[in-house]
PDB file of N, CA and C in Angstrom:
ATOM      1  N   UNK A   1      14.130  -4.164  49.797  1.00  0.00           N
ATOM      2  CA  UNK A   1      13.494  -5.086  50.654  1.00  0.00           C
ATOM      3  C   UNK A   1      14.547  -6.200  50.189  1.00  0.00           C
ATOM      4  N   UNK A   2      14.995  -7.218  52.044  1.00  0.00           N
ATOM      5  CA  UNK A   2      16.249  -8.192  51.080  1.00  0.00           C
ATOM      6  C   UNK A   2      15.722  -9.626  51.953  1.00  0.00           C
ATOM      7  N   UNK A   3      15.451 -10.788  51.189  1.00  0.00           N
ATOM      8  CA  UNK A   3      15.607 -11.878  51.470  1.00  0.00           C
ATOM      9  C   UNK A   3      16.409 -12.370  52.728  1.00  0.00           C
ATOM     10  N   UNK A   4      15.969 -12.923  53.332  1.00  0.00           N
ATOM     11  CA  UNK A   4      17.630 -13.595  54.741  1.00  0.00           C
ATOM     12  C   UNK A   4      16.688 -14.924  55.028  1.00  0.00           C
ATOM     13  N   UNK A   5      17.644 -15.846  54.770  1.00  0.00           N
ATOM     14  CA  UNK A   5      17.760 -17.073  55.271  1.00  0.00           C
ATOM     15  C   UNK A   5      18.751 -17.419  56.601  1.00  0.00           C
ATOM     16  N   UNK A   6      18.406 -18.067  57.128  1.00  0.00           N
ATOM     17  CA  UNK A   6      19.565 -18.489  58.187  1.00  0.00           C
ATOM     18  C   UNK A   6      18.461 -20.289  58.915  1.00  0.00           C
ATOM     19  N   UNK A   7      19.829 -20.663  58.604  1.00  0.00           N
ATOM     20  CA  UNK A   7      19.488 -21.708  59.545  1.00  0.00           C
ATOM     21  C   UNK A   7      19.471 -22.072  61.213  1.00  0.00           C
ATOM     22  N   UNK A   8      18.974 -22.923  61.791  1.00  0.00           N
ATOM     23  CA  UNK A   8      19.274 -23.170  63.219  1.00  0.00           C
ATOM     24  C   UNK A   8      19.211 -24.835  63.223  1.00  0.00           C
ATOM     25  N   UNK A   9      19.663 -25.039  64.728  1.00  0.00           N
ATOM     26  CA  UNK A   9      19.770 -26.500  65.067  1.00  0.00           C
ATOM     27  C   UNK A   9      18.362 -26.668  65.474  1.00  0.00           C
ATOM     28  N   UNK A  10      17.469 -25.265  66.325  1.00  0.00           N
ATOM     29  CA  UNK A  10      16.603 -26.329  67.005  1.00  0.00           C
ATOM     30  C   UNK A  10      16.147 -25.433  66.529  1.00  0.00           C
ATOM     31  N   UNK A  11      14.536 -25.588  67.242  1.00  0.00           N
ATOM     32  CA  UNK A  11      13.534 -25.022  66.893  1.00  0.00           C
ATOM     33  C   UNK A  11      13.502 -24.403  67.135  1.00  0.00           C
ATOM     34  N   UNK A  12      13.423 -24.356  68.704  1.00  0.00           N
ATOM     35  CA  UNK A  12      13.406 -23.470  69.518  1.00  0.00           C
ATOM     36  C   UNK A  12      13.340 -21.923  69.716  1.00  0.00           C
ATOM     37  N   UNK A  13      14.860 -21.911  69.196  1.00  0.00           N
ATOM     38  CA  UNK A  13      15.533 -20.466  68.455  1.00  0.00           C
ATOM     39  C   UNK A  13      14.935 -19.352  67.870  1.00  0.00           C
ATOM     40  N   UNK A  14      14.658 -20.505  67.146  1.00  0.00           N
ATOM     41  CA  UNK A  14      13.939 -19.665  65.563  1.00  0.00           C
ATOM     42  C   UNK A  14      12.995 -19.332  65.802  1.00  0.00           C
ATOM     43  N   UNK A  15      12.189 -19.505  66.991  1.00  0.00           N
ATOM     44  CA  UNK A  15      10.821 -18.753  66.987  1.00  0.00           C
ATOM     45  C   UNK A  15      11.339 -18.134  67.891  1.00  0.00           C
ATOM     46  N   UNK A  16      12.508 -18.302  68.375  1.00  0.00           N
ATOM     47  CA  UNK A  16      12.745 -17.122  70.016  1.00  0.00           C
ATOM     48  C   UNK A  16      12.847 -15.837  69.024  1.00  0.00           C
ATOM     49  N   UNK A  17      13.921 -16.044  67.872  1.00  0.00           N
ATOM     50  CA  UNK A  17      14.227 -14.888  67.252  1.00  0.00           C
ATOM     51  C   UNK A  17      13.366 -14.053  66.600  1.00  0.00           C
ATOM     52  N   UNK A  18      11.722 -14.957  65.758  1.00  0.00           N
ATOM     53  CA  UNK A  18      11.350 -14.655  64.791  1.00  0.00           C
ATOM     54  C   UNK A  18       9.781 -13.950  66.473  1.00  0.00           C
ATOM     55  N   UNK A  19       9.902 -14.560  67.701  1.00  0.00           N
ATOM     56  CA  UNK A  19       8.966 -13.317  68.255  1.00  0.00           C
ATOM     57  C   UNK A  19      10.163 -12.078  68.454  1.00  0.00           C
ATOM     58  N   UNK A  20      11.151 -12.156  68.612  1.00  0.00           N
ATOM     59  CA  UNK A  20      11.964 -10.917  69.045  1.00  0.00           C
ATOM     60  C   UNK A  20      11.893  -9.995  68.107  1.00  0.00           C
ATOM     61  N   UNK A  21      12.057 -10.191  66.625  1.00  0.00           N
ATOM     62  CA  UNK A  21      11.837  -9.579  65.129  1.00  0.00           C
ATOM     63  C   UNK A  21      10.373  -9.082  65.591  1.00  0.00           C
ATOM     64  N   UNK A  22       9.376  -9.791  65.579  1.00  0.00           N
ATOM     65  CA  UNK A  22       7.860  -9.241  65.874  1.00  0.00           C
ATOM     66  C   UNK A  22       7.903  -8.341  66.905  1.00  0.00           C
ATOM     67  N   UNK A  23       8.490  -8.404  68.014  1.00  0.00           N
ATOM     68  CA  UNK A  23       8.414  -7.795  69.154  1.00  0.00           C
ATOM     69  C   UNK A  23       8.555  -5.995  68.751  1.00  0.00           C
ATOM     70  N   UNK A  24      10.274  -6.465  68.049  1.00  0.00           N
ATOM     71  CA  UNK A  24      10.886  -4.996  67.238  1.00  0.00           C
ATOM     72  C   UNK A  24      10.519  -4.014  66.475  1.00  0.00           C
ATOM     73  N   UNK A  25      10.562  -4.997  65.349  1.00  0.00           N
ATOM     74  CA  UNK A  25       9.758  -3.744  63.954  1.00  0.00           C
ATOM     75  C   UNK A  25       8.382  -4.272  63.649  1.00  0.00           C
ATOM     76  N   UNK A  26       8.430  -3.739  62.467  1.00  0.00           N
ATOM     77  CA  UNK A  26       6.614  -3.969  62.026  1.00  0.00           C
ATOM     78  C   UNK A  26       7.053  -4.517  60.916  1.00  0.00           C
ATOM     79  N   UNK A  27       6.424  -6.398  61.552  1.00  0.00           N
ATOM     80  CA  UNK A  27       6.684  -7.252  59.752  1.00  0.00           C
ATOM     81  C   UNK A  27       5.275  -7.791  59.547  1.00  0.00           C
ATOM     82  N   UNK A  28       4.972  -7.315  58.421  1.00  0.00           N
ATOM     83  CA  UNK A  28       3.374  -8.114  57.650  1.00  0.00           C
ATOM     84  C   UNK A  28       3.289  -9.808  58.247  1.00  0.00           C
ATOM     85  N   UNK A  29       2.268 -10.097  58.663  1.00  0.00           N
ATOM     86  CA  UNK A  29       1.267 -11.251  58.830  1.00  0.00           C
ATOM     87  C   UNK A  29       2.661 -12.906  58.350  1.00  0.00           C
ATOM     88  N   UNK A  30       3.118 -11.758  56.744  1.00  0.00           N
ATOM     89  CA  UNK A  30       3.497 -13.284  55.919  1.00  0.00           C
ATOM     90  C   UNK A  30       4.979 -12.750  55.904  1.00  0.00           C
ATOM     91  N   UNK A  31       5.735 -12.123  56.670  1.00  0.00           N
ATOM     92  CA  UNK A  31       7.106 -11.658  56.392  1.00  0.00           C
ATOM     93  C   UNK A  31       8.376 -12.769  56.544  1.00  0.00           C
ATOM     94  N   UNK A  32       7.848 -12.706  57.871  1.00  0.00           N
ATOM     95  CA  UNK A  32       8.964 -14.650  57.708  1.00  0.00           C
ATOM     96  C   UNK A  32       8.204 -15.194  58.600  1.00  0.00           C
ATOM     97  N   UNK A  33       8.959 -16.370  58.862  1.00  0.00           N
ATOM     98  CA  UNK A  33       8.574 -17.653  58.670  1.00  0.00           C
ATOM     99  C   UNK A  33       9.633 -19.030  59.562  1.00  0.00           C
ATOM    100  N   UNK A  34       9.214 -20.349  59.607  1.00  0.00           N
ATOM    101  CA  UNK A  34      10.262 -20.872  59.368  1.00  0.00           C
ATOM    102  C   UNK A  34       9.720 -22.537  59.216  1.00  0.00           C
ATOM    103  N   UNK A  35      10.307 -23.158  58.860  1.00  0.00           N
ATOM    104  CA  UNK A  35      10.160 -24.728  57.912  1.00  0.00           C
ATOM    105  C   UNK A  35      11.650 -25.451  58.626  1.00  0.00           C
ATOM    106  N   UNK A  36      10.734 -26.693  58.165  1.00  0.00           N
ATOM    107  CA  UNK A  36      11.975 -27.849  58.463  1.00  0.00           C
ATOM    108  C   UNK A  36      13.360 -27.271  57.505  1.00  0.00           C
ATOM    109  N   UNK A  37      13.714 -27.907  57.768  1.00  0.00           N
ATOM    110  CA  UNK A  37      15.253 -28.040  56.671  1.00  0.00           C
ATOM    111  C   UNK A  37      15.985 -29.002  56.447  1.00  0.00           C
ATOM    112  N   UNK A  38      15.904 -29.133  55.188  1.00  0.00           N
ATOM    113  CA  UNK A  38      16.527 -30.846  54.238  1.00  0.00           C
ATOM    114  C   UNK A  38      16.882 -30.663  52.944  1.00  0.00           C
ATOM    115  N   UNK A  39      17.695 -31.697  52.770  1.00  0.00           N
ATOM    116  CA  UNK A  39      18.652 -31.505  51.942  1.00  0.00           C
ATOM    117  C   UNK A  39      20.219 -32.025  52.147  1.00  0.00           C
ATOM    118  N   UNK A  40      20.710 -32.810  51.807  1.00  0.00           N
ATOM    119  CA  UNK A  40      22.066 -33.592  51.280  1.00  0.00           C
ATOM    120  C   UNK A  40      23.449 -32.923  51.398  1.00  0.00           C
ATOM    121  N   UNK A  41      23.543 -31.489  51.341  1.00  0.00           N
ATOM    122  CA  UNK A  41      24.143 -30.416  51.446  1.00  0.00           C
ATOM    123  C   UNK A  41      24.192 -29.645  52.776  1.00  0.00           C
ATOM    124  N   UNK A  42      23.359 -29.875  53.256  1.00  0.00           N
ATOM    125  CA  UNK A  42      22.603 -29.277  54.931  1.00  0.00           C
ATOM    126  C   UNK A  42      24.013 -30.176  55.887  1.00  0.00           C
ATOM    127  N   UNK A  43      24.160 -29.474  57.093  1.00  0.00           N
ATOM    128  CA  UNK A  43      25.156 -29.604  58.274  1.00  0.00           C
ATOM    129  C   UNK A  43      23.509 -31.538  59.260  1.00  0.00           C
ATOM    130  N   UNK A  44      24.627 -31.774  59.581  1.00  0.00           N
ATOM    131  CA  UNK A  44      23.316 -33.252  59.705  1.00  0.00           C
ATOM    132  C   UNK A  44      22.055 -31.922  61.442  1.00  0.00           C
ATOM    133  N   UNK A  45      23.367 -31.404  61.866  1.00  0.00           N
ATOM    134  CA  UNK A  45      23.401 -31.111  63.294  1.00  0.00           C
ATOM    135  C   UNK A  45      21.735 -30.025  63.068  1.00  0.00           C
ATOM    136  N   UNK A  46      21.640 -28.810  61.827  1.00  0.00           N
ATOM    137  CA  UNK A  46      20.410 -28.224  61.202  1.00  0.00           C
ATOM    138  C   UNK A  46      19.556 -27.830  61.168  1.00  0.00           C
ATOM    139  N   UNK A  47      18.617 -28.248  61.472  1.00  0.00           N
ATOM    140  CA  UNK A  47      17.078 -28.539  61.493  1.00  0.00           C
ATOM    141  C   UNK A  47      16.289 -27.531  61.142  1.00  0.00           C
ATOM    142  N   UNK A  48      16.468 -26.237  61.391  1.00  0.00           N
ATOM    143  CA  UNK A  48      15.207 -25.460  61.255  1.00  0.00           C
ATOM    144  C   UNK A  48      15.659 -24.085  60.348  1.00  0.00           C
ATOM    145  N   UNK A  49      14.680 -24.092  58.498  1.00  0.00           N
ATOM    146  CA  UNK A  49      15.276 -22.830  58.134  1.00  0.00           C
ATOM    147  C   UNK A  49      14.671 -21.193  58.717  1.00  0.00           C
ATOM    148  N   UNK A  50      14.494 -20.723  59.183  1.00  0.00           N
ATOM    149  CA  UNK A  50      14.011 -18.958  59.168  1.00  0.00           C
ATOM    150  C   UNK A  50      14.047 -17.942  57.756  1.00  0.00           C
ATOM    151  N   UNK A  51      13.123 -17.830  57.128  1.00  0.00           N
ATOM    152  CA  UNK A  51      13.256 -17.099  55.822  1.00  0.00           C
ATOM    153  C   UNK A  51      12.204 -15.947  56.174  1.00  0.00           C
ATOM    154  N   UNK A  52      12.624 -15.018  55.856  1.00  0.00           N
ATOM    155  CA  UNK A  52      11.951 -13.411  56.188  1.00  0.00           C
ATOM    156  C   UNK A  52      12.138 -12.704  54.871  1.00  0.00           C
ATOM    157  N   UNK A  53      11.551 -11.632  54.473  1.00  0.00           N
ATOM    158  CA  UNK A  53      11.875 -10.331  54.090  1.00  0.00           C
ATOM    159  C   UNK A  53      11.803  -8.733  54.718  1.00  0.00           C
ATOM    160  N   UNK A  54      13.017  -7.806  54.866  1.00  0.00           N
ATOM    161  CA  UNK A  54      13.018  -7.292  56.181  1.00  0.00           C
ATOM    162  C   UNK A  54      13.460  -6.412  55.035  1.00  0.00           C
ATOM    163  N   UNK A  55      13.608  -4.458  55.451  1.00  0.00           N
ATOM    164  CA  UNK A  55      13.386  -3.811  54.820  1.00  0.00           C
ATOM    165  C   UNK A  55      15.415  -3.656  55.446  1.00  0.00           C
ATOM    166  N   UNK A  56      15.586  -2.418  54.638  1.00  0.00           N
ATOM    167  CA  UNK A  56      16.943  -2.476  54.960  1.00  0.00           C
ATOM    168  C   UNK A  56      17.441  -1.998  55.425  1.00  0.00           C
ATOM    169  N   UNK A  57      17.026  -0.887  56.230  1.00  0.00           N
ATOM    170  CA  UNK A  57      17.308   0.133  57.624  1.00  0.00           C
ATOM    171  C   UNK A  57      17.225  -1.037  58.302  1.00  0.00           C
ATOM    172  N   UNK A  58      16.743  -2.040  58.760  1.00  0.00           N
ATOM    173  CA  UNK A  58      17.103  -3.074  59.517  1.00  0.00           C
ATOM    174  C   UNK A  58      17.578  -3.915  59.334  1.00  0.00           C
ATOM    175  N   UNK A  59      18.276  -4.399  58.414  1.00  0.00           N
ATOM    176  CA  UNK A  59      19.081  -5.857  58.384  1.00  0.00           C
ATOM    177  C   UNK A  59      20.287  -5.551  59.447  1.00  0.00           C
ATOM    178  N   UNK A  60      20.880  -4.802  59.728  1.00  0.00           N
ATOM    179  CA  UNK A  60      21.871  -4.777  61.225  1.00  0.00           C
ATOM    180  C   UNK A  60      20.880  -5.570  62.475  1.00  0.00           C
ATOM    181  N   UNK A  61      19.765  -4.930  63.290  1.00  0.00           N
ATOM    182  CA  UNK A  61      19.708  -5.507  63.759  1.00  0.00           C
ATOM    183  C   UNK A  61      19.130  -7.209  63.732  1.00  0.00           C
ATOM    184  N   UNK A  62      18.538  -7.213  61.815  1.00  0.00           N
ATOM    185  CA  UNK A  62      17.613  -9.209  62.433  1.00  0.00           C
ATOM    186  C   UNK A  62      19.249  -9.429  62.075  1.00  0.00           C
ATOM    187  N   UNK A  63      20.010  -8.685  61.313  1.00  0.00           N
ATOM    188  CA  UNK A  63      21.131  -9.500  62.197  1.00  0.00           C
ATOM    189  C   UNK A  63      21.792 -10.483  63.222  1.00  0.00           C
ATOM    190  N   UNK A  64      21.841  -8.998  63.936  1.00  0.00           N
ATOM    191  CA  UNK A  64      22.065  -9.274  64.929  1.00  0.00           C
ATOM    192  C   UNK A  64      21.088 -10.522  66.456  1.00  0.00           C
ATOM    193  N   UNK A  65      19.589 -10.015  65.863  1.00  0.00           N
ATOM    194  CA  UNK A  65      18.805 -10.838  66.112  1.00  0.00           C
ATOM    195  C   UNK A  65      19.060 -12.704  65.981  1.00  0.00           C
ATOM    196  N   UNK A  66      19.073 -12.664  64.634  1.00  0.00           N
ATOM    197  CA  UNK A  66      19.224 -14.147  64.531  1.00  0.00           C
ATOM    198  C   UNK A  66      20.845 -14.796  64.907  1.00  0.00           C
ATOM    199  N   UNK A  67      22.317 -14.151  64.569  1.00  0.00           N
ATOM    200  CA  UNK A  67      23.422 -14.783  65.406  1.00  0.00           C
ATOM    201  C   UNK A  67      22.751 -14.425  66.524  1.00  0.00           C
ATOM    202  N   UNK A  68      21.983 -13.113  67.857  1.00  0.00           N
ATOM    203  CA  UNK A  68      22.347 -13.866  69.354  1.00  0.00           C
ATOM    204  C   UNK A  68      21.470 -15.207  69.092  1.00  0.00           C
ATOM    205  N   UNK A  69      20.037 -15.720  68.552  1.00  0.00           N
ATOM    206  CA  UNK A  69      19.971 -16.677  68.795  1.00  0.00           C
ATOM    207  C   UNK A  69      20.414 -18.091  67.853  1.00  0.00           C
ATOM    208  N   UNK A  70      21.625 -18.091  67.650  1.00  0.00           N
ATOM    209  CA  UNK A  70      22.262 -19.295  67.546  1.00  0.00           C
ATOM    210  C   UNK A  70      22.137 -19.675  66.037  1.00  0.00           C
ATOM    211  N   UNK A  71      22.087 -18.323  65.091  1.00  0.00           N
ATOM    212  CA  UNK A  71      21.377 -18.755  63.833  1.00  0.00           C
ATOM    213  C   UNK A  71      22.654 -18.515  63.245  1.00  0.00           C
ATOM    214  N   UNK A  72      22.532 -19.105  62.073  1.00  0.00           N
ATOM    215  CA  UNK A  72      23.704 -18.514  60.856  1.00  0.00           C
ATOM    216  C   UNK A  72      23.094 -18.460  59.657  1.00  0.00           C
ATOM    217  N   UNK A  73      23.656 -17.460  58.802  1.00  0.00           N
ATOM    218  CA  UNK A  73      22.524 -16.599  57.781  1.00  0.00           C
ATOM    219  C   UNK A  73      23.107 -17.513  56.792  1.00  0.00           C
ATOM    220  N   UNK A  74      22.742 -17.655  56.344  1.00  0.00           N
ATOM    221  CA  UNK A  74      22.826 -19.241  55.036  1.00  0.00           C
ATOM    222  C   UNK A  74      22.696 -18.397  53.362  1.00  0.00           C
ATOM    223  N   UNK A  75      21.546 -17.232  53.515  1.00  0.00           N
ATOM    224  CA  UNK A  75      20.735 -16.500  52.000  1.00  0.00           C
ATOM    225  C   UNK A  75      20.575 -15.648  52.527  1.00  0.00           C
ATOM    226  N   UNK A  76      21.281 -13.938  51.924  1.00  0.00           N
ATOM    227  CA  UNK A  76      21.495 -12.746  51.777  1.00  0.00           C
ATOM    228  C   UNK A  76      20.605 -11.805  50.256  1.00  0.00           C
ATOM    229  N   UNK A  77      19.942 -11.499  49.750  1.00  0.00           N
ATOM    230  CA  UNK A  77      19.544 -11.618  48.675  1.00  0.00           C
ATOM    231  C   UNK A  77      17.963 -10.157  48.515  1.00  0.00           C
ATOM    232  N   UNK A  78      19.187  -9.371  47.501  1.00  0.00           N
ATOM    233  CA  UNK A  78      17.740  -8.678  47.010  1.00  0.00           C
ATOM    234  C   UNK A  78      16.130  -9.357  46.754  1.00  0.00           C
ATOM    235  N   UNK A  79      15.197  -8.449  47.562  1.00  0.00           N
ATOM    236  CA  UNK A  79      13.918  -9.635  47.151  1.00  0.00           C
ATOM    237  C   UNK A  79      13.476  -9.920  45.783  1.00  0.00           C
ATOM    238  N   UNK A  80      14.318  -8.350  44.692  1.00  0.00           N
ATOM    239  CA  UNK A  80      13.943  -8.385  43.439  1.00  0.00           C
ATOM    240  C   UNK A  80      14.541  -9.978  42.752  1.00  0.00           C
ATOM    241  N   UNK A  81      14.940  -9.994  43.200  1.00  0.00           N
ATOM    242  CA  UNK A  81      16.232 -11.202  42.801  1.00  0.00           C
ATOM    243  C   UNK A  81      15.099 -12.804  42.591  1.00  0.00           C
ATOM    244  N   UNK A  82      14.280 -12.643  44.106  1.00  0.00           N
ATOM    245  CA  UNK A  82      13.297 -13.918  44.474  1.00  0.00           C
ATOM    246  C   UNK A  82      12.568 -14.091  43.124  1.00  0.00           C
ATOM    247  N   UNK A  83      12.054 -13.202  42.724  1.00  0.00           N
ATOM    248  CA  UNK A  83      11.118 -13.381  42.020  1.00  0.00           C
ATOM    249  C   UNK A  83      10.218 -14.094  40.423  1.00  0.00           C
ATOM    250  N   UNK A  84       9.593 -14.832  40.126  1.00  0.00           N
ATOM    251  CA  UNK A  84       9.730 -15.442  38.847  1.00  0.00           C
ATOM    252  C   UNK A  84       9.757 -13.879  37.816  1.00  0.00           C
ATOM    253  N   UNK A  85      11.131 -14.387  36.370  1.00  0.00           N
ATOM    254  CA  UNK A  85      10.674 -13.313  35.691  1.00  0.00           C
ATOM    255  C   UNK A  85      10.395 -13.350  34.439  1.00  0.00           C
ATOM    256  N   UNK A  86       9.424 -12.508  33.575  1.00  0.00           N
ATOM    257  CA  UNK A  86       8.147 -12.299  32.822  1.00  0.00           C
ATOM    258  C   UNK A  86       8.852 -12.788  31.784  1.00  0.00           C
ATOM    259  N   UNK A  87       8.170 -13.474  30.931  1.00  0.00           N
ATOM    260  CA  UNK A  87       8.586 -13.614  29.524  1.00  0.00           C
ATOM    261  C   UNK A  87       8.062 -12.742  29.048  1.00  0.00           C
ATOM    262  N   UNK A  88       8.381 -12.114  27.898  1.00  0.00           N
ATOM    263  CA  UNK A  88       7.822 -10.970  26.863  1.00  0.00           C
ATOM    264  C   UNK A  88       6.312 -11.700  25.924  1.00  0.00           C
ATOM    265  N   UNK A  89       5.808 -11.191  25.551  1.00  0.00           N
ATOM    266  CA  UNK A  89       4.250 -11.508  25.528  1.00  0.00           C
ATOM    267  C   UNK A  89       4.806 -12.021  23.833  1.00  0.00           C
ATOM    268  N   UNK A  90       5.467 -11.747  22.988  1.00  0.00           N
ATOM    269  CA  UNK A  90       6.526 -12.211  21.926  1.00  0.00           C
ATOM    270  C   UNK A  90       6.823 -13.880  22.242  1.00  0.00           C
ATOM    271  N   UNK A  91       7.125 -13.759  23.276  1.00  0.00           N
ATOM    272  CA  UNK A  91       7.774 -15.613  23.534  1.00  0.00           C
ATOM    273  C   UNK A  91       6.565 -16.454  23.656  1.00  0.00           C
ATOM    274  N   UNK A  92       5.393 -15.557  24.611  1.00  0.00           N
ATOM    275  CA  UNK A  92       4.691 -16.132  24.949  1.00  0.00           C
ATOM    276  C   UNK A  92       3.434 -17.102  24.269  1.00  0.00           C
ATOM    277  N   UNK A  93       2.678 -16.286  23.856  1.00  0.00           N
ATOM    278  CA  UNK A  93       2.491 -16.693  21.991  1.00  0.00           C
ATOM    279  C   UNK A  93       3.231 -16.654  21.489  1.00  0.00           C
ATOM    280  N   UNK A  94       2.692 -18.378  21.328  1.00  0.00           N
ATOM    281  CA  UNK A  94       2.721 -19.370  19.663  1.00  0.00           C
ATOM    282  C   UNK A  94       2.879 -18.873  18.607  1.00  0.00           C
ATOM    283  N   UNK A  95       3.642 -18.849  17.585  1.00  0.00           N
ATOM    284  CA  UNK A  95       3.614 -17.861  16.772  1.00  0.00           C
ATOM    285  C   UNK A  95       2.936 -19.474  15.580  1.00  0.00           C
ATOM    286  N   UNK A  96       2.176 -18.559  14.958  1.00  0.00           N
ATOM    287  CA  UNK A  96       1.566 -19.409  13.803  1.00  0.00           C
ATOM    288  C   UNK A  96       2.415 -19.362  12.378  1.00  0.00           C
ATOM    289  N   UNK A  97       2.173 -20.393  12.373  1.00  0.00           N
ATOM    290  CA  UNK A  97       2.864 -20.547  10.375  1.00  0.00           C
ATOM    291  C   UNK A  97       1.688 -21.446   9.961  1.00  0.00           C
ATOM    292  N   UNK A  98       2.480 -21.292   8.531  1.00  0.00           N
ATOM    293  CA  UNK A  98       1.517 -21.871   7.600  1.00  0.00           C
ATOM    294  C   UNK A  98       1.586 -23.371   7.449  1.00  0.00           C
ATOM    295  N   UNK A  99       2.809 -24.107   7.937  1.00  0.00           N
ATOM    296  CA  UNK A  99       3.401 -24.772   8.125  1.00  0.00           C
ATOM    297  C   UNK A  99       2.537 -25.578   9.353  1.00  0.00           C
ATOM    298  N   UNK A 100       2.522 -24.822  10.175  1.00  0.00           N
ATOM    299  CA  UNK A 100       1.651 -25.495  11.596  1.00  0.00           C
ATOM    300  C   UNK A 100       0.220 -25.323  11.822  1.00  0.00           C
ATOM    301  N   UNK A 101      -0.528 -24.745  11.299  1.00  0.00           N
ATOM    302  CA  UNK A 101      -1.892 -24.998  10.114  1.00  0.00           C
ATOM    303  C   UNK A 101      -2.083 -25.993   9.345  1.00  0.00           C
ATOM    304  N   UNK A 102      -0.854 -26.138   8.424  1.00  0.00           N
ATOM    305  CA  UNK A 102      -1.281 -27.506   7.501  1.00  0.00           C
ATOM    306  C   UNK A 102      -1.321 -28.780   8.435  1.00  0.00           C
ATOM    307  N   UNK A 103      -0.178 -28.893   9.431  1.00  0.00           N
ATOM    308  CA  UNK A 103      -0.181 -29.796  10.304  1.00  0.00           C
ATOM    309  C   UNK A 103      -1.166 -30.545  11.547  1.00  0.00           C
ATOM    310  N   UNK A 104      -1.769 -29.131  11.650  1.00  0.00           N
ATOM    311  CA  UNK A 104      -2.513 -29.238  13.285  1.00  0.00           C
ATOM    312  C   UNK A 104      -3.620 -29.997  12.480  1.00  0.00           C
TER     313      UNK A 104
END
């Protein structure tokens, strides 16, 4: 799976893109959504972020829909890179030494 994010100037355009995706693709309820876009590094005219997770076999179609509705893709990465890394059990459990027991 891939995570794609795109910025849009108009919320209506982002909503239109989502409607097209849902009508053409088998997307789950939480696979794609929109949110207000903010940040000092964003263009002033960009107002909305569309983000979703998509099957790699459908990426060409997803890109066409986004760009056809006026969106600009700003992120495209493997879904595995978006998950938090698990710490090893050894580092998650504090090591008790004689010194820590004496000072506790």
